[in-house]
N, C-alpha and C. Protein backbone atom coordinates (compact mmCIF):
# COMPACT_ATOMS: atom_id res chain seq x y z
N MET A 1 0.81 -0.97 0.25
CA MET A 1 -0.39 0.14 0.18
C MET A 1 1.36 0.97 0.13
N ARG A 2 0.84 2.40 -1.06
CA ARG A 2 1.73 3.33 -1.00
C ARG A 2 0.55 4.47 -0.09
N ILE A 3 1.03 5.04 0.52
CA ILE A 3 0.36 6.67 1.02
C ILE A 3 1.27 7.67 0.51
N LYS A 4 1.29 8.83 0.61
CA LYS A 4 1.78 9.93 0.29
C LYS A 4 1.62 10.91 2.00
N ARG A 5 2.52 11.23 2.86
CA ARG A 5 2.64 11.94 3.90
C ARG A 5 3.37 13.66 3.46
N ARG A 6 3.33 15.02 4.18
CA ARG A 6 3.84 15.97 4.05
C ARG A 6 4.55 15.58 5.66
N VAL A 7 6.39 15.82 5.35
CA VAL A 7 6.98 15.95 6.56
C VAL A 7 7.04 17.30 7.44
N SER A 8 6.99 16.99 8.38
CA SER A 8 6.31 17.87 9.64
C SER A 8 7.57 19.32 9.19
N CYS A 9 7.93 20.50 9.91
CA CYS A 9 9.49 20.88 10.09
C CYS A 9 10.43 20.00 11.24
N ARG A 10 9.76 19.66 11.43
CA ARG A 10 11.10 18.71 12.76
C ARG A 10 11.63 18.12 12.06
N GLY A 11 10.86 17.35 10.95
CA GLY A 11 11.66 16.11 9.92
C GLY A 11 10.87 14.76 10.80
N THR A 12 9.83 14.98 10.82
CA THR A 12 8.98 13.89 11.60
C THR A 12 7.37 13.46 10.52
N LEU A 13 7.51 12.54 9.98
CA LEU A 13 5.82 12.11 9.94
C LEU A 13 5.31 10.88 10.68
N VAL A 14 3.78 10.97 10.34
CA VAL A 14 3.01 9.95 11.22
C VAL A 14 1.69 9.31 10.31
N ILE A 15 2.34 7.78 10.08
CA ILE A 15 1.41 6.54 9.92
C ILE A 15 1.54 5.99 10.85
N ALA A 16 -0.71 5.92 10.84
CA ALA A 16 -1.50 5.26 11.76
C ALA A 16 -0.90 5.03 13.60
N GLY A 17 -0.20 6.31 13.54
CA GLY A 17 -0.14 6.80 14.97
C GLY A 17 1.30 6.65 15.11
N GLN A 18 2.17 6.44 14.56
CA GLN A 18 3.18 5.67 14.66
C GLN A 18 4.35 6.52 14.12
N ARG A 19 5.22 7.39 14.62
CA ARG A 19 5.45 8.55 13.98
C ARG A 19 6.99 8.23 13.78
N ILE A 20 7.76 8.88 12.52
CA ILE A 20 8.82 8.33 11.88
C ILE A 20 9.55 9.01 11.78
N HIS A 21 10.92 9.34 12.06
CA HIS A 21 12.08 10.36 11.82
C HIS A 21 12.60 10.03 10.43
N VAL A 22 12.56 10.89 9.47
CA VAL A 22 13.26 11.44 8.15
C VAL A 22 14.13 11.92 7.94
N GLY A 23 14.46 12.88 9.11
CA GLY A 23 15.19 13.71 8.94
C GLY A 23 15.33 15.64 8.77
N ILE A 24 15.35 16.41 9.18
CA ILE A 24 15.06 17.35 9.05
C ILE A 24 15.39 18.19 7.85
N VAL A 25 16.51 17.81 6.61
CA VAL A 25 16.69 17.91 5.89
C VAL A 25 15.40 17.38 4.66
N HIS A 26 14.14 16.93 5.20
CA HIS A 26 13.18 16.63 4.43
C HIS A 26 11.75 17.33 4.40
N ALA A 27 12.56 18.02 5.52
CA ALA A 27 11.19 19.51 6.20
C ALA A 27 10.44 19.99 4.77
N GLY A 28 9.06 19.95 5.19
CA GLY A 28 8.49 20.20 4.04
C GLY A 28 8.07 19.18 2.76
N ALA A 29 9.01 18.09 2.59
CA ALA A 29 8.71 17.75 1.58
C ALA A 29 7.65 16.35 1.56
N THR A 30 6.93 16.11 0.18
CA THR A 30 5.93 14.90 0.33
C THR A 30 6.78 14.18 -0.20
N LEU A 31 6.65 12.89 0.96
CA LEU A 31 7.19 11.61 0.60
C LEU A 31 6.18 10.76 0.59
N THR A 32 6.56 9.15 -0.43
CA THR A 32 6.15 8.26 -0.68
C THR A 32 5.97 7.42 0.23
N VAL A 33 5.21 7.00 1.04
CA VAL A 33 5.17 5.56 1.75
C VAL A 33 4.98 4.08 1.63
N GLU A 34 5.40 3.14 1.54
CA GLU A 34 5.00 1.91 1.52
C GLU A 34 5.11 1.30 2.88
N ALA A 35 3.52 1.03 3.07
CA ALA A 35 3.16 0.38 4.35
C ALA A 35 2.50 -1.24 4.43
N GLY A 36 3.56 -2.09 4.40
CA GLY A 36 3.71 -3.17 4.57
C GLY A 36 3.37 -3.53 5.93
N ASP A 37 3.23 -5.10 6.00
CA ASP A 37 2.42 -5.71 7.44
C ASP A 37 3.17 -5.66 8.23
N THR A 38 5.02 -5.84 8.65
CA THR A 38 5.33 -5.74 9.16
C THR A 38 6.61 -4.39 9.45
N THR A 39 6.67 -3.97 8.23
CA THR A 39 8.17 -2.78 7.87
C THR A 39 6.95 -1.59 7.07
N SER A 40 7.46 -0.44 7.13
CA SER A 40 6.66 0.73 6.30
C SER A 40 8.29 1.27 5.87
N ARG A 41 8.35 1.56 4.47
CA ARG A 41 9.32 2.07 3.22
C ARG A 41 9.25 3.66 3.15
N VAL A 42 10.16 4.30 3.38
CA VAL A 42 9.88 5.62 3.27
C VAL A 42 10.74 6.08 2.00
N HIS A 43 10.52 6.45 0.83
CA HIS A 43 10.13 7.24 -0.18
C HIS A 43 10.23 8.37 -0.45
N ASP A 44 12.03 9.03 -1.51
CA ASP A 44 11.76 10.27 -1.84
C ASP A 44 11.43 10.59 -3.22
N GLY A 45 10.59 9.88 -4.10
CA GLY A 45 11.11 9.89 -5.35
C GLY A 45 11.23 8.46 -6.19
N ASP A 46 12.34 7.97 -5.90
CA ASP A 46 13.42 6.46 -6.33
C ASP A 46 14.04 6.49 -5.21
N GLN A 47 14.43 7.37 -4.26
CA GLN A 47 15.47 6.89 -3.68
C GLN A 47 15.14 6.66 -2.34
N LEU A 48 15.56 5.11 -1.52
CA LEU A 48 14.84 4.73 0.33
C LEU A 48 15.31 5.76 1.08
N VAL A 49 14.94 6.11 2.03
CA VAL A 49 14.84 7.29 2.63
C VAL A 49 15.42 6.70 4.13
N THR A 50 14.37 5.29 4.23
CA THR A 50 14.43 4.68 5.59
C THR A 50 13.31 3.89 5.57
N GLU A 51 13.57 2.90 6.40
CA GLU A 51 13.21 1.27 6.24
C GLU A 51 12.73 1.43 7.90
N VAL A 52 11.72 1.58 8.40
CA VAL A 52 11.21 1.21 9.66
C VAL A 52 10.37 0.36 10.41
N PRO A 53 10.51 -0.73 11.17
CA PRO A 53 9.78 -1.82 11.70
C PRO A 53 8.49 -1.52 11.85
N ARG A 54 6.60 -1.33 11.59
CA ARG A 54 5.71 -1.34 11.95
C ARG A 54 5.86 -1.22 13.71
N THR A 55 5.08 -0.66 14.57
CA THR A 55 5.14 -1.10 15.85
C THR A 55 3.42 -0.61 16.28
N THR A 56 2.31 -0.57 15.15
CA THR A 56 1.13 -0.31 15.50
C THR A 56 0.76 -0.79 14.58
N VAL A 57 -0.71 -1.73 15.02
CA VAL A 57 -1.41 -2.19 14.16
C VAL A 57 -2.73 -1.63 13.83
N LYS A 58 -2.87 -0.21 14.09
CA LYS A 58 -3.94 0.45 13.75
C LYS A 58 -3.56 0.17 12.22
N PRO A 59 -5.21 0.53 12.46
CA PRO A 59 -5.38 0.74 10.91
C PRO A 59 -4.88 2.42 10.06
N ILE A 60 -5.04 1.90 9.00
CA ILE A 60 -4.58 3.36 7.87
C ILE A 60 -4.77 4.13 7.75
N ALA A 61 -5.85 5.30 8.30
CA ALA A 61 -6.85 6.15 8.06
C ALA A 61 -6.82 7.54 6.41
N ARG A 62 -5.65 7.87 6.56
CA ARG A 62 -5.50 8.67 5.17
C ARG A 62 -4.67 8.41 4.10
N PHE A 63 -4.87 8.42 3.29
CA PHE A 63 -4.09 8.39 2.06
C PHE A 63 -3.62 8.80 1.01
N LYS A 64 -4.25 10.47 1.06
CA LYS A 64 -3.27 11.49 0.56
C LYS A 64 -3.29 12.86 1.44
N VAL A 65 -2.43 13.38 0.59
CA VAL A 65 -1.20 14.61 1.52
C VAL A 65 -2.46 15.35 1.95
N ARG A 66 -2.88 16.21 3.12
CA ARG A 66 -3.16 18.02 3.41
C ARG A 66 -2.70 18.60 3.07
N LYS A 67 -3.58 19.71 2.38
CA LYS A 67 -2.20 20.82 2.32
C LYS A 67 -2.59 21.69 3.58
N PRO A 68 -0.78 21.62 3.07
CA PRO A 68 -0.64 22.77 4.38
C PRO A 68 -1.56 24.07 4.70
N GLU A 69 -1.75 24.19 6.20
CA GLU A 69 -2.35 25.72 6.52
C GLU A 69 -1.87 27.29 6.49
N PRO A 70 -2.26 27.55 5.93
CA PRO A 70 -1.44 29.42 5.49
C PRO A 70 -0.98 30.34 6.78
N PRO A 71 0.19 30.13 6.70
CA PRO A 71 0.80 30.88 8.11
C PRO A 71 -0.02 31.70 8.39
N ARG A 72 -0.25 31.66 9.71
CA ARG A 72 -1.47 33.05 10.54
C ARG A 72 0.05 34.61 11.22
N PRO A 73 -0.31 35.20 10.94
CA PRO A 73 0.10 36.41 11.01
C PRO A 73 0.55 36.92 12.53
N THR A 74 1.59 37.61 11.92
CA THR A 74 2.15 37.25 13.56
C THR A 74 1.19 38.68 13.69
N ILE A 75 1.49 39.41 15.10
CA ILE A 75 1.00 40.07 16.16
C ILE A 75 1.17 41.63 15.06
N ARG A 76 2.18 41.91 15.24
CA ARG A 76 2.94 43.60 14.08
C ARG A 76 2.11 43.11 12.71
N GLU A 77 2.03 41.93 12.07
CA GLU A 77 1.21 41.95 10.91
C GLU A 77 -0.02 42.21 11.42
N ALA A 78 -0.91 41.67 12.06
CA ALA A 78 -2.69 42.07 11.96
C ALA A 78 -2.83 43.23 13.17
N THR A 79 -1.53 43.96 13.35
CA THR A 79 -2.15 45.20 13.69
C THR A 79 -1.98 46.88 13.49
N THR A 80 -0.77 45.83 12.42
CA THR A 80 -1.30 47.07 10.71
C THR A 80 -1.98 47.33 9.61
N THR A 81 -2.79 45.76 9.38
CA THR A 81 -3.87 45.52 8.73
C THR A 81 -4.90 45.47 9.78
N GLY A 82 -5.34 45.75 10.74
CA GLY A 82 -6.28 46.17 11.47
C GLY A 82 -6.80 45.04 12.11
N HIS A 83 -6.67 43.49 11.07
CA HIS A 83 -7.09 42.20 11.86
C HIS A 83 -6.52 41.54 12.96
N LEU A 84 -6.73 41.68 13.88
CA LEU A 84 -6.61 41.04 15.27
C LEU A 84 -7.73 39.95 15.20
N THR A 85 -6.96 38.26 15.65
CA THR A 85 -7.86 37.78 15.76
C THR A 85 -7.54 37.01 17.21
N ARG A 86 -8.04 37.38 18.67
CA ARG A 86 -7.60 36.57 19.07
C ARG A 86 -8.75 35.81 20.17
């Protein structure tokens, strides 16, 4: 089963509740994960990034990547535009 995930700013992604560290160099990238019965293989294009054993038996709920949220305005930006939402 192939799944796409976006790597967090800290270099991790989560599949079925299991956090997989792929490195901060991949932060923000969309990677493909091959989820097998006993292992998960993380690929960046054709290159294998890591292979880790599955530590959970939870079903995989999402298969596609979500769009990243737009950045929230800082207080300085919000006060200059007049849109402060708190």
